[in-house]
N, C-alpha and C. Protein backbone atom coordinates (compact mmCIF):
# COMPACT_ATOMS: atom_id res chain seq x y z
N MET A 1 21.20 11.32 21.67
CA MET A 1 21.75 10.18 20.98
C MET A 1 20.83 9.84 19.81
N PRO A 2 21.33 9.77 18.57
CA PRO A 2 20.48 9.49 17.42
C PRO A 2 20.01 8.04 17.42
N ARG A 3 18.76 7.86 16.94
CA ARG A 3 18.20 6.51 16.84
C ARG A 3 18.68 5.86 15.55
N THR A 4 19.00 4.60 15.62
CA THR A 4 19.40 3.88 14.42
C THR A 4 18.29 2.90 14.06
N THR A 5 18.09 2.75 12.79
CA THR A 5 17.06 1.83 12.30
C THR A 5 17.73 0.51 11.94
N THR A 6 17.20 -0.56 12.48
CA THR A 6 17.78 -1.87 12.20
C THR A 6 17.30 -2.36 10.83
N PRO A 7 18.09 -3.22 10.17
CA PRO A 7 17.66 -3.76 8.88
C PRO A 7 16.34 -4.54 9.00
N ARG A 8 16.13 -5.17 10.14
CA ARG A 8 14.89 -5.93 10.34
C ARG A 8 13.67 -4.99 10.36
N ALA A 9 13.80 -3.85 11.01
CA ALA A 9 12.71 -2.88 11.07
C ALA A 9 12.43 -2.30 9.68
N VAL A 10 13.47 -2.04 8.91
CA VAL A 10 13.30 -1.53 7.56
C VAL A 10 12.60 -2.57 6.69
N ALA A 11 13.02 -3.84 6.79
CA ALA A 11 12.40 -4.91 6.01
C ALA A 11 10.92 -5.06 6.36
N LEU A 12 10.60 -4.98 7.65
CA LEU A 12 9.20 -5.09 8.07
C LEU A 12 8.38 -3.92 7.52
N ALA A 13 8.92 -2.72 7.58
CA ALA A 13 8.21 -1.55 7.07
C ALA A 13 7.98 -1.67 5.56
N LEU A 14 8.98 -2.14 4.82
CA LEU A 14 8.82 -2.31 3.38
C LEU A 14 7.80 -3.39 3.05
N ALA A 15 7.82 -4.48 3.82
CA ALA A 15 6.85 -5.56 3.60
C ALA A 15 5.43 -5.07 3.86
N LEU A 16 5.24 -4.29 4.92
CA LEU A 16 3.92 -3.74 5.22
C LEU A 16 3.44 -2.80 4.13
N ALA A 17 4.33 -1.95 3.66
CA ALA A 17 3.97 -1.02 2.59
C ALA A 17 3.64 -1.77 1.31
N GLY A 18 4.43 -2.79 1.00
CA GLY A 18 4.18 -3.60 -0.20
C GLY A 18 2.86 -4.34 -0.12
N ALA A 19 2.56 -4.88 1.05
CA ALA A 19 1.29 -5.60 1.23
C ALA A 19 0.11 -4.64 1.05
N ALA A 20 0.22 -3.45 1.60
CA ALA A 20 -0.87 -2.48 1.48
C ALA A 20 -1.05 -2.05 0.02
N LEU A 21 0.04 -1.84 -0.70
CA LEU A 21 -0.06 -1.42 -2.09
C LEU A 21 -0.60 -2.54 -2.97
N SER A 22 -0.10 -3.76 -2.79
CA SER A 22 -0.55 -4.85 -3.65
C SER A 22 -2.01 -5.20 -3.40
N ALA A 23 -2.48 -5.00 -2.18
CA ALA A 23 -3.87 -5.32 -1.87
C ALA A 23 -4.81 -4.38 -2.61
N GLN A 24 -4.36 -3.19 -2.96
CA GLN A 24 -5.22 -2.23 -3.62
C GLN A 24 -5.05 -2.22 -5.13
N ALA A 25 -4.02 -2.87 -5.65
CA ALA A 25 -3.73 -2.82 -7.08
C ALA A 25 -4.82 -3.49 -7.89
N GLY A 26 -5.50 -2.71 -8.72
CA GLY A 26 -6.45 -3.27 -9.67
C GLY A 26 -7.83 -3.59 -9.12
N ALA A 27 -8.06 -3.50 -7.86
CA ALA A 27 -9.36 -3.87 -7.29
C ALA A 27 -10.16 -2.63 -6.90
N ASP A 28 -11.45 -2.70 -7.16
CA ASP A 28 -12.37 -1.68 -6.67
C ASP A 28 -13.18 -2.33 -5.56
N THR A 29 -13.17 -1.74 -4.37
CA THR A 29 -13.96 -2.28 -3.28
C THR A 29 -15.42 -1.91 -3.49
N ILE A 30 -16.27 -2.93 -3.52
CA ILE A 30 -17.70 -2.73 -3.71
C ILE A 30 -18.38 -2.52 -2.36
N GLY A 31 -17.96 -3.28 -1.35
CA GLY A 31 -18.53 -3.13 -0.02
C GLY A 31 -17.96 -4.14 0.95
N THR A 32 -18.31 -3.98 2.22
CA THR A 32 -17.88 -4.90 3.27
C THR A 32 -19.05 -5.16 4.21
N VAL A 33 -19.01 -6.33 4.84
CA VAL A 33 -20.00 -6.71 5.85
C VAL A 33 -19.23 -7.22 7.06
N ASP A 34 -19.50 -6.65 8.24
CA ASP A 34 -18.85 -7.12 9.46
C ASP A 34 -19.36 -8.50 9.84
N THR A 35 -18.44 -9.36 10.29
CA THR A 35 -18.83 -10.70 10.73
C THR A 35 -18.54 -10.93 12.20
N ALA A 36 -17.62 -10.16 12.80
CA ALA A 36 -17.31 -10.31 14.22
C ALA A 36 -16.72 -9.01 14.75
N PHE A 37 -17.21 -8.58 15.90
CA PHE A 37 -16.74 -7.37 16.54
C PHE A 37 -15.37 -7.60 17.18
N LYS A 38 -14.46 -6.64 17.01
CA LYS A 38 -13.16 -6.67 17.67
C LYS A 38 -13.03 -5.37 18.47
N LEU A 39 -12.66 -5.51 19.74
CA LEU A 39 -12.54 -4.34 20.60
C LEU A 39 -11.42 -3.42 20.13
N LEU A 40 -10.29 -4.01 19.74
CA LEU A 40 -9.17 -3.23 19.23
C LEU A 40 -8.93 -3.57 17.76
N GLY A 41 -8.75 -2.56 16.93
CA GLY A 41 -8.55 -2.77 15.50
C GLY A 41 -9.89 -2.92 14.80
N ARG A 42 -9.81 -3.13 13.49
CA ARG A 42 -11.06 -3.25 12.73
C ARG A 42 -11.71 -4.61 13.00
N ASP A 43 -13.00 -4.69 12.73
CA ASP A 43 -13.76 -5.93 12.91
C ASP A 43 -13.34 -6.95 11.84
N HIS A 44 -13.59 -8.25 12.10
CA HIS A 44 -13.50 -9.25 11.05
C HIS A 44 -14.60 -8.92 10.06
N ASP A 45 -14.34 -9.11 8.77
CA ASP A 45 -15.38 -8.79 7.80
C ASP A 45 -15.24 -9.63 6.53
N ILE A 46 -16.21 -9.46 5.67
CA ILE A 46 -16.17 -10.01 4.33
C ILE A 46 -16.11 -8.81 3.40
N ILE A 47 -15.16 -8.84 2.48
CA ILE A 47 -14.99 -7.74 1.54
C ILE A 47 -15.35 -8.24 0.15
N VAL A 48 -16.05 -7.41 -0.62
CA VAL A 48 -16.37 -7.73 -2.00
C VAL A 48 -15.63 -6.72 -2.88
N GLU A 49 -14.83 -7.26 -3.80
CA GLU A 49 -14.03 -6.42 -4.69
C GLU A 49 -14.31 -6.78 -6.14
N ALA A 50 -14.19 -5.81 -7.02
CA ALA A 50 -14.38 -6.02 -8.46
C ALA A 50 -13.04 -5.88 -9.17
N TYR A 51 -12.78 -6.83 -10.06
CA TYR A 51 -11.56 -6.82 -10.87
C TYR A 51 -11.98 -6.90 -12.34
N ASP A 52 -11.51 -5.97 -13.15
CA ASP A 52 -11.76 -6.05 -14.59
C ASP A 52 -10.67 -6.92 -15.21
N ASP A 53 -11.06 -7.85 -16.06
CA ASP A 53 -10.09 -8.72 -16.73
C ASP A 53 -9.24 -7.84 -17.64
N PRO A 54 -7.92 -7.83 -17.46
CA PRO A 54 -7.07 -6.94 -18.25
C PRO A 54 -6.98 -7.32 -19.73
N ALA A 55 -7.29 -8.56 -20.09
CA ALA A 55 -7.17 -9.00 -21.48
C ALA A 55 -8.52 -9.13 -22.18
N VAL A 56 -9.62 -9.02 -21.42
CA VAL A 56 -10.95 -9.15 -22.01
C VAL A 56 -11.78 -7.95 -21.56
N GLN A 57 -11.92 -6.99 -22.45
CA GLN A 57 -12.75 -5.82 -22.14
C GLN A 57 -14.19 -6.28 -22.01
N GLY A 58 -14.90 -5.77 -21.00
CA GLY A 58 -16.31 -6.10 -20.82
C GLY A 58 -16.57 -7.25 -19.86
N VAL A 59 -15.52 -7.80 -19.21
CA VAL A 59 -15.71 -8.84 -18.20
C VAL A 59 -15.18 -8.32 -16.86
N THR A 60 -16.02 -8.41 -15.84
CA THR A 60 -15.64 -8.02 -14.48
C THR A 60 -15.86 -9.21 -13.57
N CYS A 61 -14.88 -9.47 -12.70
CA CYS A 61 -14.99 -10.55 -11.72
C CYS A 61 -15.19 -9.93 -10.34
N TYR A 62 -16.19 -10.44 -9.63
CA TYR A 62 -16.48 -10.00 -8.28
C TYR A 62 -16.01 -11.11 -7.34
N VAL A 63 -15.12 -10.75 -6.43
CA VAL A 63 -14.54 -11.71 -5.49
C VAL A 63 -14.93 -11.29 -4.08
N SER A 64 -15.52 -12.24 -3.33
CA SER A 64 -15.77 -11.98 -1.91
C SER A 64 -14.83 -12.87 -1.11
N ARG A 65 -14.28 -12.31 -0.04
CA ARG A 65 -13.34 -13.07 0.78
C ARG A 65 -13.38 -12.57 2.21
N ALA A 66 -13.00 -13.47 3.12
CA ALA A 66 -12.92 -13.10 4.53
C ALA A 66 -11.67 -12.26 4.76
N ARG A 67 -11.78 -11.27 5.62
CA ARG A 67 -10.63 -10.43 5.98
C ARG A 67 -10.55 -10.36 7.49
N THR A 68 -9.39 -10.75 8.03
CA THR A 68 -9.18 -10.81 9.47
C THR A 68 -9.00 -9.41 10.03
N GLY A 69 -9.64 -9.14 11.16
CA GLY A 69 -9.53 -7.84 11.80
C GLY A 69 -8.63 -7.89 13.01
N GLY A 70 -9.00 -7.15 14.02
CA GLY A 70 -8.18 -7.05 15.23
C GLY A 70 -6.93 -6.22 14.97
N ILE A 71 -6.03 -6.25 15.91
CA ILE A 71 -4.81 -5.46 15.79
C ILE A 71 -3.94 -5.98 14.64
N LYS A 72 -3.74 -7.32 14.60
CA LYS A 72 -2.92 -7.89 13.53
C LYS A 72 -3.51 -7.60 12.15
N GLY A 73 -4.81 -7.74 12.02
CA GLY A 73 -5.46 -7.48 10.73
C GLY A 73 -5.34 -6.02 10.33
N SER A 74 -5.48 -5.13 11.28
CA SER A 74 -5.37 -3.70 10.99
C SER A 74 -3.96 -3.31 10.56
N LEU A 75 -2.97 -4.02 11.09
CA LEU A 75 -1.58 -3.73 10.73
C LEU A 75 -1.10 -4.51 9.51
N GLY A 76 -1.94 -5.39 8.99
CA GLY A 76 -1.56 -6.19 7.83
C GLY A 76 -0.71 -7.39 8.17
N LEU A 77 -0.74 -7.82 9.44
CA LEU A 77 0.08 -8.94 9.88
C LEU A 77 -0.69 -10.25 9.99
N ALA A 78 -2.01 -10.20 9.90
CA ALA A 78 -2.84 -11.41 10.06
C ALA A 78 -2.92 -12.16 8.73
N GLU A 79 -3.18 -13.45 8.84
CA GLU A 79 -3.40 -14.27 7.65
C GLU A 79 -4.89 -14.46 7.47
N ASP A 80 -5.40 -14.06 6.31
CA ASP A 80 -6.83 -14.22 6.04
C ASP A 80 -7.15 -15.67 5.73
N LYS A 81 -8.41 -16.05 5.96
CA LYS A 81 -8.85 -17.42 5.67
C LYS A 81 -8.82 -17.67 4.16
N SER A 82 -8.82 -18.94 3.80
CA SER A 82 -8.71 -19.33 2.39
C SER A 82 -10.03 -19.28 1.64
N GLU A 83 -11.14 -19.14 2.34
CA GLU A 83 -12.43 -19.14 1.66
C GLU A 83 -12.60 -17.88 0.82
N ALA A 84 -13.03 -18.08 -0.42
CA ALA A 84 -13.34 -16.97 -1.32
C ALA A 84 -14.38 -17.45 -2.31
N SER A 85 -15.14 -16.52 -2.83
CA SER A 85 -16.15 -16.83 -3.83
C SER A 85 -15.95 -15.89 -5.00
N ILE A 86 -16.27 -16.35 -6.21
CA ILE A 86 -16.08 -15.52 -7.40
C ILE A 86 -17.31 -15.60 -8.29
N ALA A 87 -17.65 -14.49 -8.91
CA ALA A 87 -18.69 -14.44 -9.93
C ALA A 87 -18.22 -13.46 -11.00
N CYS A 88 -18.01 -13.94 -12.20
CA CYS A 88 -17.58 -13.08 -13.30
C CYS A 88 -18.75 -12.90 -14.26
N ARG A 89 -18.93 -11.68 -14.75
CA ARG A 89 -20.06 -11.36 -15.61
C ARG A 89 -19.62 -10.46 -16.75
N GLN A 90 -20.38 -10.53 -17.84
CA GLN A 90 -20.18 -9.59 -18.92
C GLN A 90 -20.82 -8.28 -18.49
N THR A 91 -20.02 -7.22 -18.41
CA THR A 91 -20.51 -5.93 -17.93
C THR A 91 -20.49 -4.86 -19.02
N GLY A 92 -20.15 -5.27 -20.23
CA GLY A 92 -20.11 -4.35 -21.36
C GLY A 92 -19.83 -5.15 -22.62
N PRO A 93 -19.70 -4.45 -23.76
CA PRO A 93 -19.38 -5.16 -25.00
C PRO A 93 -18.04 -5.88 -24.87
N LEU A 94 -17.98 -7.13 -25.34
CA LEU A 94 -16.75 -7.91 -25.25
C LEU A 94 -15.79 -7.55 -26.37
N SER A 95 -14.52 -7.42 -26.00
CA SER A 95 -13.45 -7.30 -26.98
C SER A 95 -12.19 -7.85 -26.32
N PHE A 96 -11.32 -8.39 -27.14
CA PHE A 96 -10.12 -9.03 -26.63
C PHE A 96 -8.91 -8.17 -26.92
N ALA A 97 -7.90 -8.26 -26.02
CA ALA A 97 -6.65 -7.52 -26.21
C ALA A 97 -6.04 -7.92 -27.55
N LYS A 98 -5.10 -7.13 -28.00
CA LYS A 98 -4.48 -7.39 -29.30
C LYS A 98 -3.84 -8.77 -29.39
N ALA A 99 -3.26 -9.24 -28.29
CA ALA A 99 -2.63 -10.57 -28.28
C ALA A 99 -3.68 -11.63 -28.00
N PRO A 100 -3.56 -12.80 -28.64
CA PRO A 100 -4.50 -13.90 -28.32
C PRO A 100 -4.33 -14.34 -26.87
N LEU A 101 -5.40 -14.90 -26.32
CA LEU A 101 -5.38 -15.38 -24.94
C LEU A 101 -4.65 -16.71 -24.84
N LYS A 102 -4.00 -16.94 -23.70
CA LYS A 102 -3.45 -18.25 -23.41
C LYS A 102 -4.60 -19.16 -22.99
N LYS A 103 -4.43 -20.45 -23.18
CA LYS A 103 -5.46 -21.42 -22.78
C LYS A 103 -5.76 -21.31 -21.28
N GLN A 104 -4.72 -20.98 -20.49
CA GLN A 104 -4.87 -20.80 -19.04
C GLN A 104 -3.83 -19.80 -18.58
N GLU A 105 -4.28 -18.80 -17.81
CA GLU A 105 -3.33 -17.85 -17.24
C GLU A 105 -3.91 -17.14 -16.02
N GLU A 106 -3.02 -16.77 -15.11
CA GLU A 106 -3.42 -16.03 -13.92
C GLU A 106 -3.72 -14.59 -14.34
N VAL A 107 -4.88 -14.09 -13.92
CA VAL A 107 -5.24 -12.72 -14.27
C VAL A 107 -5.24 -11.77 -13.09
N PHE A 108 -5.41 -12.28 -11.87
CA PHE A 108 -5.37 -11.45 -10.67
C PHE A 108 -4.68 -12.23 -9.57
N SER A 109 -4.02 -11.48 -8.68
CA SER A 109 -3.38 -12.09 -7.52
C SER A 109 -3.35 -11.03 -6.43
N GLU A 110 -3.68 -11.45 -5.22
CA GLU A 110 -3.68 -10.51 -4.10
C GLU A 110 -3.17 -11.20 -2.85
N ARG A 111 -2.34 -10.51 -2.10
CA ARG A 111 -1.82 -11.07 -0.85
C ARG A 111 -2.92 -11.17 0.19
N THR A 112 -2.90 -12.30 0.92
CA THR A 112 -3.83 -12.46 2.03
C THR A 112 -3.08 -12.71 3.33
N SER A 113 -1.76 -12.62 3.28
CA SER A 113 -0.93 -12.58 4.48
C SER A 113 0.30 -11.77 4.12
N ILE A 114 1.07 -11.40 5.12
CA ILE A 114 2.18 -10.48 4.88
C ILE A 114 3.24 -11.05 3.94
N LEU A 115 3.48 -12.35 3.96
CA LEU A 115 4.56 -12.88 3.14
C LEU A 115 4.18 -14.04 2.23
N PHE A 116 3.44 -15.03 2.71
CA PHE A 116 3.43 -16.30 2.02
C PHE A 116 2.11 -16.74 1.38
N LYS A 117 1.03 -16.05 1.59
CA LYS A 117 -0.26 -16.54 1.12
C LYS A 117 -0.87 -15.56 0.13
N ARG A 118 -1.46 -16.11 -0.95
CA ARG A 118 -2.06 -15.28 -1.99
C ARG A 118 -3.41 -15.85 -2.41
N LEU A 119 -4.32 -14.96 -2.76
CA LEU A 119 -5.56 -15.33 -3.42
C LEU A 119 -5.31 -15.14 -4.91
N ARG A 120 -5.60 -16.15 -5.70
CA ARG A 120 -5.32 -16.10 -7.14
C ARG A 120 -6.60 -16.34 -7.94
N VAL A 121 -6.68 -15.69 -9.09
CA VAL A 121 -7.76 -15.93 -10.04
C VAL A 121 -7.11 -16.28 -11.38
N VAL A 122 -7.51 -17.45 -11.89
CA VAL A 122 -6.96 -17.95 -13.15
C VAL A 122 -8.08 -17.99 -14.19
N ARG A 123 -7.78 -17.49 -15.41
CA ARG A 123 -8.73 -17.57 -16.51
C ARG A 123 -8.35 -18.78 -17.37
N MET A 124 -9.35 -19.60 -17.69
CA MET A 124 -9.18 -20.74 -18.60
C MET A 124 -10.14 -20.53 -19.77
N VAL A 125 -9.73 -20.98 -20.94
CA VAL A 125 -10.60 -20.86 -22.11
C VAL A 125 -11.11 -22.25 -22.48
N ASP A 126 -12.43 -22.37 -22.63
CA ASP A 126 -13.07 -23.59 -23.10
C ASP A 126 -13.48 -23.34 -24.55
N PRO A 127 -12.60 -23.66 -25.51
CA PRO A 127 -12.91 -23.32 -26.91
C PRO A 127 -14.09 -24.10 -27.48
N GLN A 128 -14.32 -25.29 -27.00
CA GLN A 128 -15.43 -26.11 -27.50
C GLN A 128 -16.77 -25.43 -27.22
N ARG A 129 -16.89 -24.77 -26.07
CA ARG A 129 -18.13 -24.11 -25.68
C ARG A 129 -18.06 -22.59 -25.83
N ASN A 130 -16.90 -22.10 -26.32
CA ASN A 130 -16.66 -20.66 -26.50
C ASN A 130 -16.97 -19.90 -25.21
N THR A 131 -16.33 -20.37 -24.14
CA THR A 131 -16.60 -19.84 -22.79
C THR A 131 -15.30 -19.52 -22.07
N LEU A 132 -15.32 -18.44 -21.30
CA LEU A 132 -14.22 -18.08 -20.40
C LEU A 132 -14.57 -18.60 -19.01
N VAL A 133 -13.66 -19.36 -18.41
CA VAL A 133 -13.88 -19.94 -17.09
C VAL A 133 -12.88 -19.31 -16.13
N TYR A 134 -13.37 -18.86 -14.99
CA TYR A 134 -12.51 -18.22 -13.99
C TYR A 134 -12.53 -19.04 -12.71
N LEU A 135 -11.35 -19.33 -12.17
CA LEU A 135 -11.18 -20.12 -10.95
C LEU A 135 -10.48 -19.27 -9.91
N SER A 136 -11.03 -19.22 -8.69
CA SER A 136 -10.34 -18.54 -7.59
C SER A 136 -9.90 -19.60 -6.58
N TYR A 137 -8.69 -19.42 -6.06
CA TYR A 137 -8.15 -20.33 -5.04
C TYR A 137 -7.08 -19.60 -4.26
N SER A 138 -6.68 -20.20 -3.16
CA SER A 138 -5.66 -19.61 -2.31
C SER A 138 -4.46 -20.55 -2.27
N ASP A 139 -3.27 -19.99 -2.27
CA ASP A 139 -2.08 -20.83 -2.15
C ASP A 139 -1.13 -20.25 -1.13
N ARG A 140 -0.24 -21.10 -0.70
CA ARG A 140 0.79 -20.76 0.28
C ARG A 140 2.11 -21.25 -0.25
N LEU A 141 3.19 -20.72 0.29
CA LEU A 141 4.52 -21.16 -0.12
C LEU A 141 4.68 -22.65 0.10
N ILE A 142 4.21 -23.17 1.23
CA ILE A 142 4.39 -24.58 1.56
C ILE A 142 3.19 -25.42 1.14
N ASP A 143 2.00 -25.06 1.59
CA ASP A 143 0.81 -25.82 1.21
C ASP A 143 -0.35 -24.87 0.96
N GLY A 144 -1.11 -25.15 -0.08
CA GLY A 144 -2.26 -24.33 -0.41
C GLY A 144 -3.53 -24.92 0.17
N SER A 145 -4.64 -24.40 -0.27
CA SER A 145 -5.94 -24.88 0.20
C SER A 145 -6.70 -25.45 -0.99
N PRO A 146 -7.40 -26.55 -0.80
CA PRO A 146 -8.22 -27.09 -1.88
C PRO A 146 -9.52 -26.31 -2.08
N GLN A 147 -9.82 -25.38 -1.18
CA GLN A 147 -11.05 -24.60 -1.31
C GLN A 147 -10.93 -23.70 -2.52
N ASN A 148 -11.96 -23.71 -3.36
CA ASN A 148 -11.93 -22.93 -4.59
C ASN A 148 -13.33 -22.55 -4.99
N SER A 149 -13.42 -21.69 -5.98
CA SER A 149 -14.71 -21.29 -6.53
C SER A 149 -14.52 -21.08 -8.03
N VAL A 150 -15.55 -21.41 -8.82
CA VAL A 150 -15.44 -21.30 -10.27
C VAL A 150 -16.68 -20.60 -10.82
N THR A 151 -16.48 -19.87 -11.91
CA THR A 151 -17.57 -19.20 -12.60
C THR A 151 -17.23 -19.18 -14.09
N ALA A 152 -18.22 -18.94 -14.93
CA ALA A 152 -17.99 -18.95 -16.38
C ALA A 152 -18.74 -17.80 -17.04
N VAL A 153 -18.13 -17.29 -18.12
CA VAL A 153 -18.74 -16.24 -18.93
C VAL A 153 -18.83 -16.77 -20.36
N PRO A 154 -20.04 -17.11 -20.82
CA PRO A 154 -20.17 -17.58 -22.20
C PRO A 154 -19.98 -16.41 -23.17
N VAL A 155 -19.35 -16.71 -24.29
CA VAL A 155 -19.12 -15.70 -25.34
C VAL A 155 -19.99 -16.09 -26.53
N ASP A 156 -20.67 -15.11 -27.12
CA ASP A 156 -21.53 -15.37 -28.28
C ASP A 156 -20.74 -16.13 -29.34
N ARG A 157 -21.36 -17.15 -29.93
CA ARG A 157 -20.69 -18.00 -30.93
C ARG A 157 -20.23 -17.19 -32.15
N ALA A 158 -20.85 -16.05 -32.41
CA ALA A 158 -20.43 -15.22 -33.54
C ALA A 158 -19.06 -14.59 -33.29
N MET A 159 -18.63 -14.53 -32.03
CA MET A 159 -17.33 -13.96 -31.67
C MET A 159 -16.45 -15.09 -31.14
N ARG A 160 -15.46 -15.50 -31.88
CA ARG A 160 -14.56 -16.55 -31.43
C ARG A 160 -13.54 -15.97 -30.48
N ILE A 161 -13.20 -16.73 -29.45
CA ILE A 161 -12.17 -16.32 -28.50
C ILE A 161 -10.81 -16.58 -29.14
N PRO A 162 -9.99 -15.53 -29.31
CA PRO A 162 -8.67 -15.74 -29.92
C PRO A 162 -7.72 -16.45 -28.97
N LEU A 163 -7.23 -17.62 -29.39
CA LEU A 163 -6.31 -18.41 -28.56
C LEU A 163 -4.92 -18.42 -29.17
N SER A 164 -3.90 -18.33 -28.30
CA SER A 164 -2.52 -18.46 -28.79
C SER A 164 -2.24 -19.93 -29.05
N LYS A 165 -1.38 -20.19 -29.98
CA LYS A 165 -1.05 -21.59 -30.35
C LYS A 165 -0.14 -22.23 -29.35
């Protein structure tokens, strides 16, 4: 007798595949540190990832965040905690994309649960101080978390940050 696949099973498989792909998009894993042993599945850990700003060449943001282990975490079904830390640094000569930057825009986003929770990084421009400010926070479909982290990358005064009107 042939097995039939239910629409629910197909949707779950697609969601798992999407979560795995989006978690890897654009991030380079720098390292991990175990925080709690789990008998089954991977351990709870802290992961440090590097993201290059797509609109500002020469700026890399390092984000550390908690990652839930165990069976649910290994399958991508667990919800990670909202705590995250960010440090953005100039890692090469600065240059800006052809288009001017928006005063504020999301530059990175990564799922931290299978459906409803995301870790976001927003770039803000402080034109008075000629500085790029990066904010990391977590949000949910219904309610987000007030926990956040901020960092800044000063730009030499000889190079003005191009802003869109």
